[in-house]
């Protein structure tokens, strides 16, 4: 049995044995005037997403993710270090960084691009650099 539910301009297809169908489309096909709480499957990134009222966010899969820690030692001149995994979307706030056990502000202390973290100034000689990442994963381990 297939049942269509219409409410506030949205049509949802309910199928008795196979599941509930939600809207599917690419990132470019997102509504130009989305409503808070709007949920859809983004076929460009193969993930569920929801509109918060300000932006679309990707819904994470349930399960555990792998958190990785990289450690480096500063030498007073090196500013770029290669992490063991890439940071999705190159967003600095997706990792936690400490230099000499002092938390580093992602807005001012460093940038990331793929697997490279670049500090705005070189960590001091023998300073321990700790980078914790994996928070941006949407893949259950």
Protein backbone atom coordinates (compact mmCIF):
# COMPACT_ATOMS: atom_id res chain seq x y z
CA UNK A 1 0.00 0.00 0.00
CA UNK A 2 1.36 3.45 -0.94
CA UNK A 3 0.06 6.54 0.83
CA UNK A 4 0.94 10.16 0.01
CA UNK A 5 0.96 12.67 2.84
CA UNK A 6 0.70 16.36 1.88
CA UNK A 7 1.37 19.06 4.43
CA UNK A 8 2.52 22.65 4.05
CA UNK A 9 3.60 22.17 0.46
CA UNK A 10 5.60 18.98 1.02
CA UNK A 11 4.67 15.54 -0.27
CA UNK A 12 5.96 12.50 1.56
CA UNK A 13 5.48 9.03 0.13
CA UNK A 14 4.80 6.33 2.70
CA UNK A 15 5.13 2.76 1.50
CA UNK A 16 3.78 0.10 3.83
CA UNK A 17 6.62 -2.41 3.48
CA UNK A 18 9.58 -0.59 1.97
CA UNK A 19 9.90 2.59 4.01
CA UNK A 20 9.35 6.32 3.92
CA UNK A 21 10.63 8.32 0.94
CA UNK A 22 11.93 11.82 1.55
CA UNK A 23 12.99 14.41 -1.01
CA UNK A 24 16.22 13.62 -2.89
CA UNK A 25 18.35 16.08 -4.86
CA UNK A 26 21.78 17.55 -5.41
CA UNK A 27 23.29 20.41 -3.44
CA UNK A 28 22.43 22.72 -6.35
CA UNK A 29 18.81 21.59 -6.19
CA UNK A 30 18.26 22.67 -2.58
CA UNK A 31 15.26 24.93 -2.03
CA UNK A 32 16.06 28.62 -2.39
CA UNK A 33 13.78 29.30 0.59
CA UNK A 34 14.17 26.29 2.93
CA UNK A 35 12.25 26.08 6.19
CA UNK A 36 13.79 25.19 9.55
CA UNK A 37 13.48 21.44 10.10
CA UNK A 38 13.43 20.60 6.38
CA UNK A 39 15.11 17.23 5.87
CA UNK A 40 16.31 15.74 2.59
CA UNK A 41 18.80 13.29 1.10
CA UNK A 42 21.60 15.17 -0.67
CA UNK A 43 22.66 13.01 -3.61
CA UNK A 44 25.79 15.13 -4.21
CA UNK A 45 27.29 14.10 -0.87
CA UNK A 46 25.22 10.93 -0.33
CA UNK A 47 24.04 12.00 3.11
CA UNK A 48 20.94 13.11 4.96
CA UNK A 49 20.83 16.81 5.73
CA UNK A 50 18.56 19.11 7.70
CA UNK A 51 18.03 22.87 7.49
CA UNK A 52 18.56 24.49 10.91
CA UNK A 53 17.03 27.82 10.03
CA UNK A 54 20.48 29.19 9.18
CA UNK A 55 22.22 26.46 7.18
CA UNK A 56 21.99 22.88 5.96
CA UNK A 57 23.91 20.47 8.19
CA UNK A 58 24.77 16.84 7.50
CA UNK A 59 23.30 14.28 9.85
CA UNK A 60 25.89 11.84 11.19
CA UNK A 61 25.38 8.12 11.04
CA UNK A 62 24.95 6.33 14.34
CA UNK A 63 27.83 4.38 15.75
CA UNK A 64 31.35 5.17 16.79
CA UNK A 65 33.88 7.18 14.85
CA UNK A 66 37.63 6.83 14.94
CA UNK A 67 39.31 9.66 16.81
CA UNK A 68 42.96 10.10 15.83
CA UNK A 69 45.75 11.87 17.68
CA UNK A 70 48.83 13.17 15.92
CA UNK A 71 51.85 14.40 17.87
CA UNK A 72 54.65 16.59 16.61
CA UNK A 73 57.55 18.45 18.18
CA UNK A 74 58.11 22.09 17.35
CA UNK A 75 61.54 23.35 16.36
CA UNK A 76 60.95 27.10 16.44
CA UNK A 77 60.88 27.49 12.64
CA UNK A 78 58.50 24.91 11.08
CA UNK A 79 54.91 26.12 10.66
CA UNK A 80 53.38 23.31 8.51
CA UNK A 81 52.88 19.74 9.70
CA UNK A 82 51.30 16.73 7.95
CA UNK A 83 48.47 15.03 9.86
CA UNK A 84 47.66 11.35 9.41
CA UNK A 85 44.15 11.99 8.04
CA UNK A 86 42.47 14.74 6.07
CA UNK A 87 40.12 17.27 7.66
CA UNK A 88 36.81 17.37 5.78
CA UNK A 89 35.86 20.76 4.34
CA UNK A 90 39.19 22.18 5.59
CA UNK A 91 37.44 23.69 8.61
CA UNK A 92 39.80 24.52 11.46
CA UNK A 93 37.11 24.02 14.13
CA UNK A 94 36.83 20.31 13.24
CA UNK A 95 40.02 19.51 15.16
CA UNK A 96 41.42 20.22 18.63
CA UNK A 97 44.98 21.50 18.79
CA UNK A 98 47.27 22.07 21.76
CA UNK A 99 50.81 23.39 21.75
CA UNK A 100 52.65 22.74 25.00
CA UNK A 101 49.30 21.68 26.54
CA UNK A 102 47.74 25.06 25.69
CA UNK A 103 44.58 24.93 23.58
CA UNK A 104 44.98 26.82 20.27
CA UNK A 105 42.19 29.06 18.94
CA UNK A 106 41.23 27.84 15.44
CA UNK A 107 40.25 31.38 14.43
CA UNK A 108 43.76 32.75 14.88
CA UNK A 109 46.39 30.07 15.62
CA UNK A 110 46.29 27.82 12.56
CA UNK A 111 44.63 26.82 9.29
CA UNK A 112 44.04 23.40 7.77
CA UNK A 113 44.00 22.18 4.20
CA UNK A 114 43.49 18.46 3.70
CA UNK A 115 46.18 16.76 5.80
CA UNK A 116 48.25 19.92 6.40
CA UNK A 117 47.97 22.08 9.52
CA UNK A 118 49.76 25.43 9.21
CA UNK A 119 50.38 27.55 12.28
CA UNK A 120 50.37 31.35 12.05
CA UNK A 121 53.67 31.32 13.95
CA UNK A 122 56.08 28.45 14.49
CA UNK A 123 55.63 26.49 17.72
CA UNK A 124 58.66 26.86 19.99
CA UNK A 125 61.66 24.57 20.05
CA UNK A 126 60.81 21.23 21.75
CA UNK A 127 57.14 22.26 22.24
CA UNK A 128 54.79 19.26 22.01
CA UNK A 129 52.04 19.74 19.40
CA UNK A 130 48.94 17.56 19.79
CA UNK A 131 46.24 17.41 17.10
CA UNK A 132 43.06 15.43 17.78
CA UNK A 133 40.78 14.83 14.81
CA UNK A 134 38.01 12.62 13.51
CA UNK A 135 35.14 14.67 14.98
CA UNK A 136 33.93 15.51 11.47
CA UNK A 137 33.42 11.88 10.48
CA UNK A 138 29.98 10.77 9.39
CA UNK A 139 31.06 7.17 8.92
CA UNK A 140 30.30 4.74 11.71
CA UNK A 141 33.27 2.64 12.69
